[in-house]
Amino acid sequence: MKRYVLLLALILAAGPPPAGAAAQDEAARAEKAWAAAVVAGDQATLDRILAEGLIYTHSSGLVEDRSVYFGKLKSGALKYEAIEHESITVKPYGNTAIVHSKARMRGVSDGKPFNVYSVMTHTWVKQGGVWKLAAHQATRLP
């Protein structure tokens, strides 16, 4: 019984996780939700999580705003078949989080298949209680 009391006292003394840890977990979930929504073609989720001022820089160097990127996803001109994260690192800064990852992305763009291994940096901002993707930058890896 004394062990349980001691364990409970240690847990209570430790207190809740730091606020940064919650933001870190939320941003990591948002990152995974983005990947799942893109692959599934879940337009409702994408509409909710893509920031109005989104700057989306593809690994090819092509830069698109939200309306062009989302429009290509909706029309099927851009279709992701898989996004497989190899690693994800999250650095929270208040209502912003920088997510750095390595991922393999496969799909079709304008009728041409792609299979890209890249490093990505995503900037997520929390607006109205929702994490939104504000910037995407990808660089191809060999």
N, C-alpha and C. Protein backbone atom coordinates (compact mmCIF):
# COMPACT_ATOMS: atom_id res chain seq x y z
N MET A 1 0.83 -1.19 0.00
CA MET A 1 0.00 0.00 0.00
C MET A 1 0.87 1.26 0.00
N LYS A 2 1.97 1.20 0.77
CA LYS A 2 2.86 2.36 0.85
C LYS A 2 3.45 2.68 -0.53
N ARG A 3 3.72 1.63 -1.32
CA ARG A 3 4.26 1.86 -2.67
C ARG A 3 3.30 2.65 -3.52
N TYR A 4 2.01 2.29 -3.43
CA TYR A 4 1.01 2.97 -4.24
C TYR A 4 0.85 4.42 -3.81
N VAL A 5 0.91 4.68 -2.52
CA VAL A 5 0.81 6.04 -2.02
C VAL A 5 2.03 6.85 -2.49
N LEU A 6 3.21 6.23 -2.41
CA LEU A 6 4.43 6.90 -2.87
C LEU A 6 4.36 7.17 -4.37
N LEU A 7 3.90 6.19 -5.15
CA LEU A 7 3.77 6.37 -6.59
C LEU A 7 2.79 7.49 -6.91
N LEU A 8 1.66 7.52 -6.24
CA LEU A 8 0.67 8.58 -6.44
C LEU A 8 1.26 9.93 -6.07
N ALA A 9 1.99 10.00 -4.98
CA ALA A 9 2.62 11.27 -4.56
C ALA A 9 3.61 11.75 -5.61
N LEU A 10 4.39 10.85 -6.19
CA LEU A 10 5.35 11.22 -7.22
C LEU A 10 4.64 11.73 -8.48
N ILE A 11 3.57 11.06 -8.86
CA ILE A 11 2.81 11.49 -10.05
C ILE A 11 2.23 12.87 -9.83
N LEU A 12 1.63 13.09 -8.66
CA LEU A 12 1.03 14.39 -8.37
C LEU A 12 2.09 15.48 -8.27
N ALA A 13 3.25 15.15 -7.74
CA ALA A 13 4.32 16.13 -7.61
C ALA A 13 4.87 16.53 -8.98
N ALA A 14 4.85 15.59 -9.91
CA ALA A 14 5.36 15.89 -11.24
C ALA A 14 4.46 16.89 -11.96
N GLY A 15 3.18 16.88 -11.65
CA GLY A 15 2.25 17.83 -12.26
C GLY A 15 1.92 17.45 -13.69
N PRO A 16 1.14 18.30 -14.34
CA PRO A 16 0.75 18.02 -15.72
C PRO A 16 1.94 18.18 -16.66
N PRO A 17 1.86 17.58 -17.84
CA PRO A 17 2.96 17.75 -18.78
C PRO A 17 3.09 19.22 -19.17
N PRO A 18 4.27 19.67 -19.55
CA PRO A 18 4.43 21.06 -19.94
C PRO A 18 3.55 21.41 -21.12
N ALA A 19 3.17 22.68 -21.22
CA ALA A 19 2.29 23.12 -22.31
C ALA A 19 2.88 22.81 -23.66
N GLY A 20 4.20 22.89 -23.78
CA GLY A 20 4.85 22.58 -25.05
C GLY A 20 4.64 21.14 -25.47
N ALA A 21 4.56 20.25 -24.49
CA ALA A 21 4.35 18.83 -24.81
C ALA A 21 2.98 18.63 -25.44
N ALA A 22 1.97 19.33 -24.94
CA ALA A 22 0.62 19.21 -25.52
C ALA A 22 0.63 19.74 -26.95
N ALA A 23 1.26 20.88 -27.16
CA ALA A 23 1.33 21.46 -28.51
C ALA A 23 2.11 20.54 -29.44
N GLN A 24 3.15 19.93 -28.91
CA GLN A 24 3.96 19.01 -29.71
C GLN A 24 3.11 17.82 -30.16
N ASP A 25 2.35 17.25 -29.26
CA ASP A 25 1.48 16.12 -29.59
C ASP A 25 0.39 16.52 -30.59
N GLU A 26 -0.21 17.69 -30.36
CA GLU A 26 -1.27 18.16 -31.25
C GLU A 26 -0.74 18.40 -32.66
N ALA A 27 0.42 19.04 -32.76
CA ALA A 27 0.99 19.32 -34.08
C ALA A 27 1.38 18.03 -34.79
N ALA A 28 1.90 17.06 -34.05
CA ALA A 28 2.23 15.76 -34.66
C ALA A 28 0.97 15.08 -35.18
N ARG A 29 -0.12 15.18 -34.42
CA ARG A 29 -1.39 14.60 -34.89
C ARG A 29 -1.90 15.34 -36.12
N ALA A 30 -1.73 16.67 -36.14
CA ALA A 30 -2.15 17.45 -37.31
C ALA A 30 -1.36 17.04 -38.54
N GLU A 31 -0.06 16.81 -38.36
CA GLU A 31 0.80 16.37 -39.47
C GLU A 31 0.30 15.04 -40.04
N LYS A 32 -0.01 14.12 -39.17
CA LYS A 32 -0.50 12.80 -39.61
C LYS A 32 -1.89 12.92 -40.23
N ALA A 33 -2.71 13.84 -39.70
CA ALA A 33 -4.05 14.05 -40.26
C ALA A 33 -3.96 14.63 -41.67
N TRP A 34 -3.00 15.55 -41.88
CA TRP A 34 -2.80 16.11 -43.22
C TRP A 34 -2.44 14.99 -44.20
N ALA A 35 -1.47 14.16 -43.84
CA ALA A 35 -1.05 13.08 -44.73
C ALA A 35 -2.21 12.13 -45.03
N ALA A 36 -2.95 11.75 -44.01
CA ALA A 36 -4.08 10.83 -44.20
C ALA A 36 -5.16 11.47 -45.08
N ALA A 37 -5.44 12.76 -44.87
CA ALA A 37 -6.47 13.45 -45.64
C ALA A 37 -6.06 13.60 -47.10
N VAL A 38 -4.79 13.89 -47.34
CA VAL A 38 -4.31 14.04 -48.71
C VAL A 38 -4.42 12.70 -49.45
N VAL A 39 -3.99 11.63 -48.81
CA VAL A 39 -4.04 10.31 -49.45
C VAL A 39 -5.49 9.86 -49.68
N ALA A 40 -6.36 10.13 -48.71
CA ALA A 40 -7.76 9.70 -48.81
C ALA A 40 -8.60 10.63 -49.69
N GLY A 41 -8.06 11.79 -50.03
CA GLY A 41 -8.85 12.76 -50.78
C GLY A 41 -9.96 13.35 -49.93
N ASP A 42 -9.70 13.47 -48.63
CA ASP A 42 -10.69 13.97 -47.67
C ASP A 42 -10.73 15.50 -47.74
N GLN A 43 -11.57 15.99 -48.64
CA GLN A 43 -11.64 17.43 -48.89
C GLN A 43 -12.14 18.22 -47.69
N ALA A 44 -13.04 17.66 -46.90
CA ALA A 44 -13.56 18.38 -45.74
C ALA A 44 -12.45 18.64 -44.72
N THR A 45 -11.64 17.61 -44.46
CA THR A 45 -10.53 17.78 -43.51
C THR A 45 -9.51 18.76 -44.07
N LEU A 46 -9.17 18.62 -45.34
CA LEU A 46 -8.20 19.54 -45.94
C LEU A 46 -8.70 20.98 -45.92
N ASP A 47 -9.98 21.18 -46.20
CA ASP A 47 -10.55 22.52 -46.16
C ASP A 47 -10.42 23.13 -44.77
N ARG A 48 -10.53 22.28 -43.75
CA ARG A 48 -10.45 22.74 -42.36
C ARG A 48 -9.02 23.01 -41.93
N ILE A 49 -8.05 22.23 -42.42
CA ILE A 49 -6.68 22.34 -41.88
C ILE A 49 -5.71 23.10 -42.78
N LEU A 50 -6.07 23.44 -44.00
CA LEU A 50 -5.19 24.25 -44.83
C LEU A 50 -5.46 25.72 -44.56
N ALA A 51 -4.45 26.45 -44.10
CA ALA A 51 -4.61 27.87 -43.77
C ALA A 51 -4.93 28.67 -45.03
N GLU A 52 -5.68 29.73 -44.86
CA GLU A 52 -6.05 30.58 -46.00
C GLU A 52 -4.82 31.12 -46.72
N GLY A 53 -3.77 31.44 -46.00
CA GLY A 53 -2.56 31.99 -46.61
C GLY A 53 -1.50 30.95 -46.93
N LEU A 54 -1.90 29.69 -47.07
CA LEU A 54 -0.95 28.60 -47.30
C LEU A 54 0.02 28.92 -48.44
N ILE A 55 1.30 28.67 -48.18
CA ILE A 55 2.35 28.70 -49.21
C ILE A 55 2.85 27.27 -49.32
N TYR A 56 2.65 26.64 -50.47
CA TYR A 56 2.97 25.24 -50.65
C TYR A 56 4.08 25.12 -51.69
N THR A 57 5.29 24.79 -51.25
CA THR A 57 6.43 24.65 -52.15
C THR A 57 6.75 23.17 -52.32
N HIS A 58 6.50 22.67 -53.52
CA HIS A 58 6.75 21.27 -53.84
C HIS A 58 8.25 21.01 -53.96
N SER A 59 8.63 19.74 -53.91
CA SER A 59 10.05 19.38 -54.02
C SER A 59 10.62 19.74 -55.40
N SER A 60 9.76 19.99 -56.37
CA SER A 60 10.21 20.41 -57.71
C SER A 60 10.56 21.89 -57.75
N GLY A 61 10.19 22.62 -56.70
CA GLY A 61 10.40 24.07 -56.66
C GLY A 61 9.14 24.84 -57.01
N LEU A 62 8.11 24.16 -57.50
CA LEU A 62 6.85 24.81 -57.83
C LEU A 62 6.20 25.35 -56.56
N VAL A 63 5.78 26.61 -56.58
CA VAL A 63 5.14 27.23 -55.43
C VAL A 63 3.68 27.51 -55.77
N GLU A 64 2.79 27.06 -54.87
CA GLU A 64 1.35 27.26 -55.08
C GLU A 64 0.74 27.87 -53.83
N ASP A 65 -0.36 28.58 -54.03
CA ASP A 65 -1.12 29.05 -52.88
C ASP A 65 -2.21 28.02 -52.56
N ARG A 66 -2.99 28.31 -51.53
CA ARG A 66 -4.01 27.36 -51.08
C ARG A 66 -4.99 27.00 -52.19
N SER A 67 -5.47 28.01 -52.90
CA SER A 67 -6.52 27.74 -53.89
C SER A 67 -6.00 26.84 -55.02
N VAL A 68 -4.77 27.03 -55.46
CA VAL A 68 -4.22 26.20 -56.54
C VAL A 68 -3.97 24.78 -56.03
N TYR A 69 -3.28 24.66 -54.88
CA TYR A 69 -2.96 23.34 -54.33
C TYR A 69 -4.25 22.55 -54.04
N PHE A 70 -5.18 23.18 -53.31
CA PHE A 70 -6.43 22.51 -52.95
C PHE A 70 -7.24 22.20 -54.21
N GLY A 71 -7.22 23.11 -55.18
CA GLY A 71 -7.95 22.89 -56.43
C GLY A 71 -7.43 21.67 -57.19
N LYS A 72 -6.11 21.50 -57.20
CA LYS A 72 -5.53 20.33 -57.87
C LYS A 72 -5.92 19.03 -57.16
N LEU A 73 -5.95 19.07 -55.83
CA LEU A 73 -6.37 17.89 -55.08
C LEU A 73 -7.84 17.57 -55.35
N LYS A 74 -8.69 18.61 -55.36
CA LYS A 74 -10.12 18.39 -55.58
C LYS A 74 -10.41 17.87 -56.99
N SER A 75 -9.68 18.38 -57.97
CA SER A 75 -9.94 17.98 -59.36
C SER A 75 -9.32 16.63 -59.71
N GLY A 76 -8.38 16.16 -58.89
CA GLY A 76 -7.70 14.90 -59.18
C GLY A 76 -6.44 15.09 -60.01
N ALA A 77 -6.12 16.34 -60.37
CA ALA A 77 -4.89 16.60 -61.12
C ALA A 77 -3.67 16.23 -60.28
N LEU A 78 -3.82 16.29 -58.96
CA LEU A 78 -2.78 15.87 -58.03
C LEU A 78 -3.40 14.83 -57.10
N LYS A 79 -2.85 13.63 -57.15
CA LYS A 79 -3.38 12.54 -56.33
C LYS A 79 -2.22 11.84 -55.63
N TYR A 80 -2.23 11.88 -54.30
CA TYR A 80 -1.23 11.17 -53.52
C TYR A 80 -1.75 9.77 -53.24
N GLU A 81 -0.94 8.77 -53.54
CA GLU A 81 -1.30 7.38 -53.25
C GLU A 81 -0.77 6.95 -51.90
N ALA A 82 0.33 7.58 -51.47
CA ALA A 82 0.91 7.26 -50.17
C ALA A 82 1.81 8.40 -49.71
N ILE A 83 1.78 8.65 -48.41
CA ILE A 83 2.75 9.52 -47.75
C ILE A 83 3.20 8.73 -46.53
N GLU A 84 4.44 8.31 -46.55
CA GLU A 84 4.98 7.48 -45.48
C GLU A 84 6.08 8.25 -44.76
N HIS A 85 5.76 8.71 -43.55
CA HIS A 85 6.76 9.43 -42.76
C HIS A 85 7.80 8.46 -42.22
N GLU A 86 9.05 8.80 -42.42
CA GLU A 86 10.15 8.02 -41.86
C GLU A 86 10.49 8.57 -40.48
N SER A 87 10.42 9.88 -40.34
CA SER A 87 10.69 10.53 -39.06
C SER A 87 9.91 11.82 -38.99
N ILE A 88 9.56 12.20 -37.76
CA ILE A 88 8.86 13.47 -37.53
C ILE A 88 9.44 14.10 -36.27
N THR A 89 9.85 15.36 -36.39
CA THR A 89 10.33 16.13 -35.25
C THR A 89 9.47 17.38 -35.15
N VAL A 90 8.96 17.68 -33.97
CA VAL A 90 8.08 18.82 -33.77
C VAL A 90 8.72 19.78 -32.78
N LYS A 91 8.76 21.07 -33.15
CA LYS A 91 9.26 22.13 -32.27
C LYS A 91 8.14 23.16 -32.10
N PRO A 92 7.46 23.14 -30.94
CA PRO A 92 6.38 24.11 -30.72
C PRO A 92 6.90 25.47 -30.28
N TYR A 93 6.22 26.52 -30.71
CA TYR A 93 6.51 27.91 -30.34
C TYR A 93 5.17 28.59 -30.11
N GLY A 94 4.59 28.39 -28.92
CA GLY A 94 3.27 28.98 -28.63
C GLY A 94 2.21 28.37 -29.53
N ASN A 95 1.53 29.23 -30.31
CA ASN A 95 0.48 28.76 -31.21
C ASN A 95 1.01 28.40 -32.59
N THR A 96 2.31 28.18 -32.67
CA THR A 96 2.96 27.78 -33.91
C THR A 96 3.81 26.56 -33.63
N ALA A 97 3.94 25.69 -34.61
CA ALA A 97 4.82 24.54 -34.48
C ALA A 97 5.51 24.30 -35.82
N ILE A 98 6.79 24.03 -35.75
CA ILE A 98 7.56 23.67 -36.93
C ILE A 98 7.70 22.15 -36.90
N VAL A 99 7.28 21.51 -37.98
CA VAL A 99 7.36 20.06 -38.07
C VAL A 99 8.34 19.73 -39.19
N HIS A 100 9.38 19.00 -38.83
CA HIS A 100 10.41 18.59 -39.79
C HIS A 100 10.29 17.08 -39.94
N SER A 101 10.26 16.61 -41.18
CA SER A 101 10.12 15.17 -41.39
C SER A 101 10.83 14.72 -42.65
N LYS A 102 11.06 13.43 -42.69
CA LYS A 102 11.49 12.76 -43.92
C LYS A 102 10.34 11.86 -44.32
N ALA A 103 10.02 11.87 -45.61
CA ALA A 103 8.87 11.07 -46.05
C ALA A 103 9.03 10.64 -47.49
N ARG A 104 8.40 9.54 -47.80
CA ARG A 104 8.28 9.05 -49.17
C ARG A 104 6.86 9.39 -49.61
N MET A 105 6.75 10.06 -50.75
CA MET A 105 5.44 10.42 -51.29
C MET A 105 5.32 9.82 -52.69
N ARG A 106 4.19 9.13 -52.91
CA ARG A 106 3.93 8.54 -54.22
C ARG A 106 2.55 9.00 -54.69
N GLY A 107 2.45 9.16 -55.99
CA GLY A 107 1.16 9.55 -56.55
C GLY A 107 1.26 9.90 -58.01
N VAL A 108 0.31 10.73 -58.46
CA VAL A 108 0.23 11.16 -59.85
C VAL A 108 -0.02 12.66 -59.87
N SER A 109 0.77 13.36 -60.67
CA SER A 109 0.59 14.81 -60.84
C SER A 109 0.49 15.11 -62.33
N ASP A 110 -0.63 15.68 -62.72
CA ASP A 110 -0.89 16.00 -64.14
C ASP A 110 -0.65 14.79 -65.04
N GLY A 111 -1.11 13.62 -64.58
CA GLY A 111 -1.03 12.41 -65.37
C GLY A 111 0.31 11.70 -65.32
N LYS A 112 1.28 12.26 -64.58
CA LYS A 112 2.62 11.65 -64.51
C LYS A 112 2.85 11.13 -63.10
N PRO A 113 3.28 9.86 -63.00
CA PRO A 113 3.54 9.31 -61.66
C PRO A 113 4.76 9.95 -61.02
N PHE A 114 4.72 10.05 -59.70
CA PHE A 114 5.90 10.51 -58.96
C PHE A 114 6.13 9.60 -57.77
N ASN A 115 7.38 9.49 -57.40
CA ASN A 115 7.81 8.70 -56.26
C ASN A 115 8.99 9.47 -55.67
N VAL A 116 8.73 10.28 -54.67
CA VAL A 116 9.71 11.23 -54.18
C VAL A 116 10.03 10.94 -52.72
N TYR A 117 11.31 10.89 -52.43
CA TYR A 117 11.80 10.82 -51.06
C TYR A 117 12.28 12.22 -50.73
N SER A 118 11.74 12.81 -49.69
CA SER A 118 12.07 14.21 -49.42
C SER A 118 12.14 14.50 -47.92
N VAL A 119 12.73 15.63 -47.64
CA VAL A 119 12.69 16.21 -46.31
C VAL A 119 11.68 17.35 -46.40
N MET A 120 10.81 17.45 -45.42
CA MET A 120 9.76 18.48 -45.44
C MET A 120 9.82 19.31 -44.17
N THR A 121 9.52 20.57 -44.33
CA THR A 121 9.31 21.45 -43.19
C THR A 121 7.90 22.02 -43.32
N HIS A 122 7.09 21.78 -42.31
CA HIS A 122 5.74 22.32 -42.26
C HIS A 122 5.66 23.33 -41.12
N THR A 123 5.00 24.43 -41.39
CA THR A 123 4.70 25.41 -40.35
C THR A 123 3.21 25.29 -40.06
N TRP A 124 2.90 24.92 -38.83
CA TRP A 124 1.52 24.78 -38.37
C TRP A 124 1.20 25.93 -37.42
N VAL A 125 0.02 26.53 -37.58
CA VAL A 125 -0.43 27.59 -36.68
C VAL A 125 -1.78 27.20 -36.11
N LYS A 126 -1.96 27.48 -34.84
CA LYS A 126 -3.23 27.15 -34.20
C LYS A 126 -4.14 28.37 -34.28
N GLN A 127 -5.24 28.22 -35.01
CA GLN A 127 -6.20 29.31 -35.21
C GLN A 127 -7.59 28.81 -34.85
N GLY A 128 -8.24 29.49 -33.93
CA GLY A 128 -9.59 29.07 -33.52
C GLY A 128 -9.61 27.66 -32.97
N GLY A 129 -8.52 27.26 -32.31
CA GLY A 129 -8.45 25.93 -31.71
C GLY A 129 -8.10 24.82 -32.68
N VAL A 130 -7.84 25.16 -33.95
CA VAL A 130 -7.52 24.16 -34.97
C VAL A 130 -6.11 24.41 -35.50
N TRP A 131 -5.30 23.35 -35.59
CA TRP A 131 -3.97 23.46 -36.18
C TRP A 131 -4.13 23.50 -37.69
N LYS A 132 -3.55 24.54 -38.32
CA LYS A 132 -3.66 24.73 -39.76
C LYS A 132 -2.28 24.77 -40.40
N LEU A 133 -2.18 24.14 -41.54
CA LEU A 133 -0.92 24.13 -42.29
C LEU A 133 -0.77 25.46 -43.01
N ALA A 134 0.24 26.25 -42.61
CA ALA A 134 0.46 27.57 -43.18
C ALA A 134 1.56 27.57 -44.24
N ALA A 135 2.52 26.64 -44.13
CA ALA A 135 3.59 26.57 -45.11
C ALA A 135 4.11 25.14 -45.22
N HIS A 136 4.43 24.77 -46.46
CA HIS A 136 5.01 23.47 -46.78
C HIS A 136 6.23 23.73 -47.64
N GLN A 137 7.35 23.14 -47.27
CA GLN A 137 8.58 23.24 -48.07
C GLN A 137 9.18 21.85 -48.14
N ALA A 138 9.35 21.33 -49.33
CA ALA A 138 9.93 20.00 -49.50
C ALA A 138 11.19 20.09 -50.36
N THR A 139 12.16 19.27 -50.00
CA THR A 139 13.40 19.16 -50.75
C THR A 139 13.65 17.70 -51.04
N ARG A 140 13.87 17.38 -52.31
CA ARG A 140 14.14 16.00 -52.70
C ARG A 140 15.45 15.50 -52.10
N LEU A 141 15.41 14.25 -51.68
CA LEU A 141 16.61 13.57 -51.21
C LEU A 141 16.96 12.48 -52.22
N PRO A 142 18.22 12.11 -52.26
CA PRO A 142 18.61 11.04 -53.20
C PRO A 142 18.01 9.70 -52.81
